[in-house]
Amino acid sequence: MKRKCLYCYEAVDGAQDFHEKCSMEFFGTPTPPVIEYSLDQMDELAKNVVLVALLLESNCLADKEQLF
């Protein structure tokens, strides 16, 4: 199965994820940035982001209730 660019979905050569032009348009650099996290670390980071968002939302709701 041929790999496809993650930006334009056209075929790419080798192990690339983006065409140079697509990377430039999306990231502003000819090569995409490297994310130096494992999938397990990314999973943990995502859970933390959701937890913080929920905590912030609950604090905002509590603050609104105190106004009335």
N, C-alpha and C. Protein backbone atom coordinates (compact mmCIF):
# COMPACT_ATOMS: atom_id res chain seq x y z
N MET A 1 0.85 -1.18 0.00
CA MET A 1 0.00 0.00 0.00
C MET A 1 0.89 1.24 0.00
N LYS A 2 0.63 2.16 -0.89
CA LYS A 2 1.41 3.39 -0.98
C LYS A 2 1.07 4.33 0.17
N ARG A 3 2.11 4.98 0.65
CA ARG A 3 1.89 5.99 1.69
C ARG A 3 1.30 7.24 1.06
N LYS A 4 0.52 7.97 1.85
CA LYS A 4 -0.09 9.21 1.37
C LYS A 4 0.31 10.36 2.28
N CYS A 5 0.44 11.53 1.67
CA CYS A 5 0.75 12.75 2.40
C CYS A 5 -0.38 13.02 3.41
N LEU A 6 -0.02 13.35 4.62
CA LEU A 6 -1.02 13.61 5.65
C LEU A 6 -1.70 14.96 5.49
N TYR A 7 -1.24 15.76 4.53
CA TYR A 7 -1.84 17.07 4.27
C TYR A 7 -2.74 17.03 3.04
N CYS A 8 -2.21 16.54 1.91
CA CYS A 8 -2.99 16.58 0.66
C CYS A 8 -3.52 15.21 0.24
N TYR A 9 -3.08 14.17 0.92
CA TYR A 9 -3.52 12.79 0.67
C TYR A 9 -3.06 12.21 -0.68
N GLU A 10 -2.11 12.88 -1.33
CA GLU A 10 -1.52 12.33 -2.55
C GLU A 10 -0.37 11.40 -2.15
N ALA A 11 0.04 10.53 -3.06
CA ALA A 11 1.11 9.57 -2.79
C ALA A 11 2.42 10.29 -2.46
N VAL A 12 3.18 9.74 -1.51
CA VAL A 12 4.51 10.25 -1.17
C VAL A 12 5.52 9.12 -1.33
N ASP A 13 6.77 9.50 -1.52
CA ASP A 13 7.84 8.52 -1.69
C ASP A 13 8.41 8.09 -0.35
N GLY A 14 8.81 6.83 -0.28
CA GLY A 14 9.51 6.32 0.89
C GLY A 14 8.71 6.42 2.17
N ALA A 15 9.41 6.82 3.22
CA ALA A 15 8.81 6.86 4.55
C ALA A 15 8.33 8.26 4.92
N GLN A 16 8.21 9.14 3.94
CA GLN A 16 7.76 10.49 4.22
C GLN A 16 6.29 10.51 4.63
N ASP A 17 5.95 11.49 5.48
CA ASP A 17 4.55 11.70 5.84
C ASP A 17 3.96 12.91 5.12
N PHE A 18 4.82 13.81 4.61
CA PHE A 18 4.39 15.03 3.94
C PHE A 18 5.27 15.30 2.73
N HIS A 19 4.71 15.90 1.70
CA HIS A 19 5.52 16.48 0.63
C HIS A 19 6.21 17.71 1.22
N GLU A 20 7.35 18.08 0.66
CA GLU A 20 8.05 19.27 1.16
C GLU A 20 7.15 20.50 1.05
N LYS A 21 6.46 20.66 -0.07
CA LYS A 21 5.55 21.79 -0.27
C LYS A 21 4.42 21.79 0.77
N CYS A 22 3.86 20.63 1.03
CA CYS A 22 2.76 20.51 2.00
C CYS A 22 3.25 20.81 3.41
N SER A 23 4.44 20.32 3.75
CA SER A 23 5.02 20.61 5.06
C SER A 23 5.24 22.11 5.22
N MET A 24 5.73 22.75 4.17
CA MET A 24 5.98 24.19 4.20
C MET A 24 4.68 24.96 4.42
N GLU A 25 3.63 24.53 3.74
CA GLU A 25 2.34 25.21 3.86
C GLU A 25 1.73 25.00 5.25
N PHE A 26 1.84 23.80 5.77
CA PHE A 26 1.19 23.47 7.04
C PHE A 26 2.01 23.91 8.25
N PHE A 27 3.33 23.62 8.24
CA PHE A 27 4.18 23.89 9.39
C PHE A 27 5.05 25.13 9.23
N GLY A 28 5.22 25.60 8.00
CA GLY A 28 6.11 26.73 7.76
C GLY A 28 7.56 26.33 7.64
N THR A 29 7.83 25.04 7.55
CA THR A 29 9.19 24.53 7.37
C THR A 29 9.15 23.42 6.31
N PRO A 30 10.26 23.22 5.58
CA PRO A 30 10.24 22.20 4.53
C PRO A 30 10.16 20.77 5.06
N THR A 31 10.50 20.57 6.31
CA THR A 31 10.35 19.24 6.92
C THR A 31 9.46 19.38 8.15
N PRO A 32 8.59 18.41 8.37
CA PRO A 32 7.70 18.50 9.53
C PRO A 32 8.49 18.38 10.83
N PRO A 33 7.98 18.97 11.92
CA PRO A 33 8.67 18.85 13.21
C PRO A 33 8.64 17.40 13.70
N VAL A 34 9.61 17.07 14.51
CA VAL A 34 9.68 15.73 15.11
C VAL A 34 9.10 15.81 16.51
N ILE A 35 8.17 14.95 16.80
CA ILE A 35 7.57 14.89 18.13
C ILE A 35 8.27 13.77 18.88
N GLU A 36 9.00 14.14 19.90
CA GLU A 36 9.84 13.18 20.60
C GLU A 36 9.15 12.59 21.82
N TYR A 37 7.93 12.13 21.62
CA TYR A 37 7.18 11.45 22.67
C TYR A 37 6.74 10.09 22.15
N SER A 38 6.68 9.13 23.03
CA SER A 38 6.15 7.81 22.66
C SER A 38 4.63 7.90 22.65
N LEU A 39 3.99 6.90 22.09
CA LEU A 39 2.52 6.87 22.09
C LEU A 39 1.97 6.82 23.51
N ASP A 40 2.65 6.10 24.40
CA ASP A 40 2.21 6.04 25.79
C ASP A 40 2.29 7.42 26.45
N GLN A 41 3.37 8.15 26.16
CA GLN A 41 3.51 9.50 26.71
C GLN A 41 2.45 10.44 26.14
N MET A 42 2.17 10.30 24.85
CA MET A 42 1.14 11.13 24.22
C MET A 42 -0.23 10.83 24.83
N ASP A 43 -0.50 9.57 25.12
CA ASP A 43 -1.76 9.18 25.76
C ASP A 43 -1.88 9.85 27.13
N GLU A 44 -0.82 9.81 27.90
CA GLU A 44 -0.82 10.43 29.23
C GLU A 44 -0.99 11.95 29.13
N LEU A 45 -0.30 12.57 28.20
CA LEU A 45 -0.44 14.01 28.01
C LEU A 45 -1.87 14.38 27.62
N ALA A 46 -2.48 13.61 26.73
CA ALA A 46 -3.86 13.87 26.32
C ALA A 46 -4.82 13.76 27.50
N LYS A 47 -4.63 12.76 28.34
CA LYS A 47 -5.48 12.61 29.52
C LYS A 47 -5.32 13.80 30.45
N ASN A 48 -4.10 14.30 30.60
CA ASN A 48 -3.86 15.46 31.46
C ASN A 48 -4.53 16.71 30.91
N VAL A 49 -4.49 16.89 29.61
CA VAL A 49 -5.13 18.06 28.98
C VAL A 49 -6.64 18.03 29.23
N VAL A 50 -7.24 16.86 29.05
CA VAL A 50 -8.68 16.73 29.27
C VAL A 50 -9.01 16.97 30.73
N LEU A 51 -8.22 16.44 31.64
CA LEU A 51 -8.46 16.63 33.06
C LEU A 51 -8.39 18.11 33.44
N VAL A 52 -7.38 18.80 32.97
CA VAL A 52 -7.25 20.23 33.26
C VAL A 52 -8.43 21.01 32.70
N ALA A 53 -8.85 20.68 31.48
CA ALA A 53 -10.00 21.36 30.87
C ALA A 53 -11.26 21.15 31.70
N LEU A 54 -11.47 19.94 32.17
CA LEU A 54 -12.64 19.65 33.00
C LEU A 54 -12.58 20.40 34.33
N LEU A 55 -11.40 20.46 34.93
CA LEU A 55 -11.25 21.18 36.19
C LEU A 55 -11.49 22.67 36.00
N LEU A 56 -10.97 23.23 34.93
CA LEU A 56 -11.19 24.65 34.65
C LEU A 56 -12.66 24.94 34.40
N GLU A 57 -13.32 24.06 33.67
CA GLU A 57 -14.74 24.24 33.40
C GLU A 57 -15.56 24.18 34.68
N SER A 58 -15.24 23.24 35.54
CA SER A 58 -16.00 23.13 36.80
C SER A 58 -15.76 24.34 37.68
N ASN A 59 -14.54 24.90 37.67
CA ASN A 59 -14.27 26.12 38.44
C ASN A 59 -15.04 27.30 37.88
N CYS A 60 -15.14 27.41 36.57
CA CYS A 60 -15.89 28.50 35.94
C CYS A 60 -17.36 28.40 36.31
N LEU A 61 -17.90 27.19 36.29
CA LEU A 61 -19.31 27.00 36.65
C LEU A 61 -19.54 27.36 38.11
N ALA A 62 -18.61 26.99 38.99
CA ALA A 62 -18.74 27.32 40.41
C ALA A 62 -18.67 28.83 40.60
N ASP A 63 -17.80 29.51 39.87
CA ASP A 63 -17.70 30.96 39.97
C ASP A 63 -19.00 31.64 39.51
N LYS A 64 -19.62 31.14 38.46
CA LYS A 64 -20.88 31.70 37.97
C LYS A 64 -21.98 31.54 39.00
N GLU A 65 -22.01 30.41 39.68
CA GLU A 65 -23.05 30.16 40.69
C GLU A 65 -22.89 31.13 41.86
N GLN A 66 -21.64 31.52 42.17
CA GLN A 66 -21.41 32.45 43.28
C GLN A 66 -21.87 33.86 42.93
N LEU A 67 -21.95 34.17 41.64
CA LEU A 67 -22.38 35.51 41.22
C LEU A 67 -23.88 35.72 41.44
N PHE A 68 -24.65 34.63 41.45
CA PHE A 68 -26.11 34.77 41.55
C PHE A 68 -26.60 34.42 42.88
